[in-house]
Amino acid sequence: LGGAEASDYLIKELQKPVPKGANLDDYGDTQAILRSQAAMALGRCGNTNVLGILEQVATDETQFKRVRESCNKAVAKIRDRSQSQTK
C-alpha cells in the first residue's frame, strides 16, 4: 500500500474514460464503485504527489458523481494528514 506501482495502477483506473451512455449518477455502477475505491485507496496512502490528479478528477463533470465525491474526500484526507505532520 502506498508504493509507486500501486499508485500508478490506481491513477490509471481513475483516469479511464467513462463508458459512453453511462449514468453518471448511478452509485451502483461497477465502474463507479471501482474508481471510487481507487480514489479512497489513494487517500489512505497519503501521497501528496497525487493531489493534482485527484483534484482534476474531482472537478471532471464527465466522471461518475460517486468518483468525484470520493476524490474530494481523498484530497481532504491527504491534506489533513499532511497538515498534522507539519505541526
N, C-alpha and C. Protein backbone atom coordinates (compact mmCIF):
# COMPACT_ATOMS: atom_id res chain seq x y z
N LEU A 1 0.85 -1.19 0.00
CA LEU A 1 0.00 0.00 0.00
C LEU A 1 0.88 1.24 0.00
N GLY A 2 0.63 2.11 -0.92
CA GLY A 2 1.35 3.37 -0.97
C GLY A 2 2.56 3.36 -1.88
N GLY A 3 2.90 2.20 -2.44
CA GLY A 3 4.03 2.14 -3.35
C GLY A 3 3.72 2.80 -4.68
N ALA A 4 4.77 3.14 -5.40
CA ALA A 4 4.61 3.81 -6.68
C ALA A 4 3.83 2.97 -7.68
N GLU A 5 4.09 1.67 -7.71
CA GLU A 5 3.40 0.80 -8.66
C GLU A 5 1.90 0.75 -8.37
N ALA A 6 1.55 0.65 -7.11
CA ALA A 6 0.13 0.63 -6.74
C ALA A 6 -0.53 1.96 -7.07
N SER A 7 0.14 3.05 -6.75
CA SER A 7 -0.43 4.38 -7.04
C SER A 7 -0.63 4.56 -8.54
N ASP A 8 0.35 4.12 -9.33
CA ASP A 8 0.22 4.25 -10.79
C ASP A 8 -1.00 3.49 -11.30
N TYR A 9 -1.21 2.28 -10.80
CA TYR A 9 -2.36 1.49 -11.22
C TYR A 9 -3.67 2.18 -10.83
N LEU A 10 -3.75 2.68 -9.61
CA LEU A 10 -4.97 3.34 -9.13
C LEU A 10 -5.25 4.60 -9.93
N ILE A 11 -4.21 5.34 -10.25
CA ILE A 11 -4.37 6.57 -11.03
C ILE A 11 -4.89 6.23 -12.43
N LYS A 12 -4.35 5.18 -13.04
CA LYS A 12 -4.82 4.78 -14.37
C LYS A 12 -6.29 4.41 -14.34
N GLU A 13 -6.73 3.74 -13.28
CA GLU A 13 -8.14 3.39 -13.15
C GLU A 13 -9.00 4.65 -13.06
N LEU A 14 -8.55 5.62 -12.31
CA LEU A 14 -9.31 6.87 -12.15
C LEU A 14 -9.42 7.64 -13.45
N GLN A 15 -8.38 7.59 -14.26
CA GLN A 15 -8.33 8.41 -15.46
C GLN A 15 -8.94 7.76 -16.70
N LYS A 16 -9.41 6.52 -16.59
CA LYS A 16 -10.04 5.88 -17.73
C LYS A 16 -11.31 6.64 -18.10
N PRO A 17 -11.58 6.72 -19.40
CA PRO A 17 -12.83 7.40 -19.80
C PRO A 17 -14.05 6.61 -19.32
N VAL A 18 -15.08 7.33 -18.98
CA VAL A 18 -16.34 6.71 -18.57
C VAL A 18 -16.98 6.12 -19.83
N PRO A 19 -17.52 4.91 -19.75
CA PRO A 19 -18.17 4.30 -20.92
C PRO A 19 -19.30 5.19 -21.46
N LYS A 20 -19.41 5.22 -22.78
CA LYS A 20 -20.47 6.01 -23.41
C LYS A 20 -21.83 5.56 -22.92
N GLY A 21 -22.68 6.53 -22.65
CA GLY A 21 -24.03 6.24 -22.22
C GLY A 21 -24.18 5.89 -20.75
N ALA A 22 -23.09 5.91 -20.00
CA ALA A 22 -23.16 5.58 -18.57
C ALA A 22 -23.93 6.66 -17.82
N ASN A 23 -24.70 6.24 -16.84
CA ASN A 23 -25.43 7.17 -15.99
C ASN A 23 -24.47 7.66 -14.91
N LEU A 24 -24.07 8.90 -14.99
CA LEU A 24 -23.07 9.44 -14.06
C LEU A 24 -23.58 9.53 -12.64
N ASP A 25 -24.88 9.45 -12.44
CA ASP A 25 -25.46 9.48 -11.10
C ASP A 25 -25.68 8.09 -10.51
N ASP A 26 -25.30 7.05 -11.23
CA ASP A 26 -25.51 5.67 -10.79
C ASP A 26 -24.41 5.26 -9.81
N TYR A 27 -24.75 5.28 -8.52
CA TYR A 27 -23.78 4.95 -7.47
C TYR A 27 -23.45 3.46 -7.44
N GLY A 28 -24.29 2.62 -8.05
CA GLY A 28 -24.07 1.19 -8.04
C GLY A 28 -23.35 0.66 -9.27
N ASP A 29 -23.04 1.54 -10.21
CA ASP A 29 -22.33 1.12 -11.41
C ASP A 29 -20.97 0.53 -11.02
N THR A 30 -20.64 -0.61 -11.59
CA THR A 30 -19.40 -1.31 -11.25
C THR A 30 -18.17 -0.43 -11.46
N GLN A 31 -18.14 0.30 -12.56
CA GLN A 31 -17.00 1.18 -12.83
C GLN A 31 -16.92 2.30 -11.80
N ALA A 32 -18.07 2.83 -11.42
CA ALA A 32 -18.10 3.90 -10.42
C ALA A 32 -17.58 3.39 -9.07
N ILE A 33 -17.97 2.19 -8.72
CA ILE A 33 -17.52 1.61 -7.45
C ILE A 33 -16.01 1.39 -7.48
N LEU A 34 -15.50 0.79 -8.55
CA LEU A 34 -14.07 0.52 -8.67
C LEU A 34 -13.26 1.81 -8.60
N ARG A 35 -13.67 2.80 -9.34
CA ARG A 35 -12.93 4.07 -9.37
C ARG A 35 -13.03 4.81 -8.03
N SER A 36 -14.18 4.71 -7.40
CA SER A 36 -14.36 5.31 -6.09
C SER A 36 -13.40 4.69 -5.08
N GLN A 37 -13.29 3.37 -5.12
CA GLN A 37 -12.38 2.67 -4.21
C GLN A 37 -10.92 3.02 -4.52
N ALA A 38 -10.61 3.21 -5.79
CA ALA A 38 -9.25 3.61 -6.18
C ALA A 38 -8.91 4.97 -5.58
N ALA A 39 -9.87 5.90 -5.66
CA ALA A 39 -9.65 7.24 -5.09
C ALA A 39 -9.46 7.15 -3.58
N MET A 40 -10.27 6.36 -2.91
CA MET A 40 -10.16 6.25 -1.46
C MET A 40 -8.83 5.59 -1.06
N ALA A 41 -8.38 4.61 -1.84
CA ALA A 41 -7.09 3.97 -1.56
C ALA A 41 -5.96 4.98 -1.70
N LEU A 42 -6.03 5.83 -2.71
CA LEU A 42 -5.01 6.87 -2.86
C LEU A 42 -5.04 7.83 -1.67
N GLY A 43 -6.22 8.12 -1.18
CA GLY A 43 -6.35 8.98 0.00
C GLY A 43 -5.72 8.35 1.23
N ARG A 44 -5.93 7.04 1.39
CA ARG A 44 -5.34 6.34 2.54
C ARG A 44 -3.82 6.28 2.44
N CYS A 45 -3.29 6.24 1.22
CA CYS A 45 -1.83 6.20 1.05
C CYS A 45 -1.20 7.50 1.54
N GLY A 46 -1.91 8.60 1.36
CA GLY A 46 -1.44 9.87 1.87
C GLY A 46 -0.36 10.55 1.05
N ASN A 47 -0.13 10.09 -0.17
CA ASN A 47 0.92 10.65 -1.02
C ASN A 47 0.45 11.99 -1.61
N THR A 48 1.11 13.07 -1.23
CA THR A 48 0.72 14.39 -1.72
C THR A 48 0.96 14.56 -3.22
N ASN A 49 1.76 13.69 -3.81
CA ASN A 49 2.03 13.78 -5.25
C ASN A 49 0.80 13.50 -6.11
N VAL A 50 -0.21 12.87 -5.55
CA VAL A 50 -1.40 12.54 -6.33
C VAL A 50 -2.52 13.57 -6.16
N LEU A 51 -2.28 14.60 -5.39
CA LEU A 51 -3.33 15.60 -5.16
C LEU A 51 -3.84 16.23 -6.45
N GLY A 52 -2.94 16.58 -7.34
CA GLY A 52 -3.35 17.21 -8.61
C GLY A 52 -4.27 16.33 -9.43
N ILE A 53 -3.95 15.06 -9.50
CA ILE A 53 -4.78 14.12 -10.26
C ILE A 53 -6.14 13.95 -9.60
N LEU A 54 -6.15 13.79 -8.28
CA LEU A 54 -7.42 13.66 -7.57
C LEU A 54 -8.28 14.90 -7.74
N GLU A 55 -7.67 16.06 -7.67
CA GLU A 55 -8.42 17.32 -7.83
C GLU A 55 -8.97 17.44 -9.25
N GLN A 56 -8.18 16.99 -10.22
CA GLN A 56 -8.62 17.04 -11.61
C GLN A 56 -9.84 16.14 -11.83
N VAL A 57 -9.79 14.93 -11.31
CA VAL A 57 -10.92 14.01 -11.47
C VAL A 57 -12.13 14.52 -10.69
N ALA A 58 -11.89 15.12 -9.53
CA ALA A 58 -12.97 15.63 -8.69
C ALA A 58 -13.79 16.72 -9.38
N THR A 59 -13.18 17.43 -10.30
CA THR A 59 -13.89 18.52 -10.99
C THR A 59 -14.30 18.15 -12.41
N ASP A 60 -14.07 16.91 -12.80
CA ASP A 60 -14.39 16.44 -14.15
C ASP A 60 -15.86 16.06 -14.23
N GLU A 61 -16.65 16.89 -14.87
CA GLU A 61 -18.10 16.67 -14.95
C GLU A 61 -18.46 15.46 -15.81
N THR A 62 -17.49 14.89 -16.54
CA THR A 62 -17.77 13.70 -17.34
C THR A 62 -17.48 12.42 -16.55
N GLN A 63 -17.12 12.57 -15.29
CA GLN A 63 -16.81 11.44 -14.41
C GLN A 63 -18.03 11.11 -13.56
N PHE A 64 -18.10 9.88 -13.07
CA PHE A 64 -19.19 9.49 -12.18
C PHE A 64 -19.23 10.40 -10.94
N LYS A 65 -20.43 10.76 -10.52
CA LYS A 65 -20.60 11.61 -9.34
C LYS A 65 -19.96 10.97 -8.11
N ARG A 66 -20.15 9.67 -7.95
CA ARG A 66 -19.58 8.95 -6.80
C ARG A 66 -18.06 9.07 -6.79
N VAL A 67 -17.45 9.01 -7.94
CA VAL A 67 -15.99 9.09 -8.05
C VAL A 67 -15.52 10.51 -7.71
N ARG A 68 -16.23 11.50 -8.20
CA ARG A 68 -15.86 12.89 -7.88
C ARG A 68 -15.92 13.12 -6.38
N GLU A 69 -16.96 12.60 -5.73
CA GLU A 69 -17.09 12.75 -4.29
C GLU A 69 -15.95 12.04 -3.55
N SER A 70 -15.60 10.85 -4.00
CA SER A 70 -14.51 10.09 -3.38
C SER A 70 -13.18 10.80 -3.55
N CYS A 71 -12.98 11.40 -4.70
CA CYS A 71 -11.74 12.15 -4.93
C CYS A 71 -11.65 13.34 -3.99
N ASN A 72 -12.77 14.04 -3.79
CA ASN A 72 -12.77 15.16 -2.84
C ASN A 72 -12.45 14.69 -1.43
N LYS A 73 -13.01 13.56 -1.03
CA LYS A 73 -12.72 13.01 0.30
C LYS A 73 -11.26 12.61 0.41
N ALA A 74 -10.71 12.02 -0.65
CA ALA A 74 -9.31 11.60 -0.63
C ALA A 74 -8.38 12.81 -0.52
N VAL A 75 -8.70 13.87 -1.24
CA VAL A 75 -7.91 15.10 -1.17
C VAL A 75 -7.93 15.65 0.26
N ALA A 76 -9.10 15.69 0.86
CA ALA A 76 -9.22 16.20 2.24
C ALA A 76 -8.41 15.34 3.20
N LYS A 77 -8.46 14.03 3.02
CA LYS A 77 -7.73 13.12 3.90
C LYS A 77 -6.22 13.34 3.78
N ILE A 78 -5.74 13.48 2.55
CA ILE A 78 -4.30 13.70 2.33
C ILE A 78 -3.88 15.05 2.93
N ARG A 79 -4.68 16.07 2.71
CA ARG A 79 -4.33 17.40 3.23
C ARG A 79 -4.34 17.41 4.76
N ASP A 80 -5.34 16.76 5.36
CA ASP A 80 -5.41 16.69 6.82
C ASP A 80 -4.18 16.00 7.38
N ARG A 81 -3.81 14.89 6.77
CA ARG A 81 -2.64 14.13 7.23
C ARG A 81 -1.37 14.96 7.06
N SER A 82 -1.27 15.63 5.93
CA SER A 82 -0.09 16.45 5.64
C SER A 82 0.04 17.60 6.64
N GLN A 83 -1.09 18.24 6.94
CA GLN A 83 -1.08 19.36 7.88
C GLN A 83 -0.75 18.89 9.30
N SER A 84 -1.24 17.74 9.70
CA SER A 84 -0.96 17.25 11.04
C SER A 84 0.50 16.83 11.19
N GLN A 85 1.15 16.45 10.11
CA GLN A 85 2.55 16.07 10.15
C GLN A 85 3.48 17.28 10.22
N THR A 86 3.00 18.43 9.73
CA THR A 86 3.83 19.63 9.74
C THR A 86 3.70 20.42 11.04
N LYS A 87 2.79 20.02 11.91
CA LYS A 87 2.61 20.74 13.17
C LYS A 87 3.62 20.31 14.20
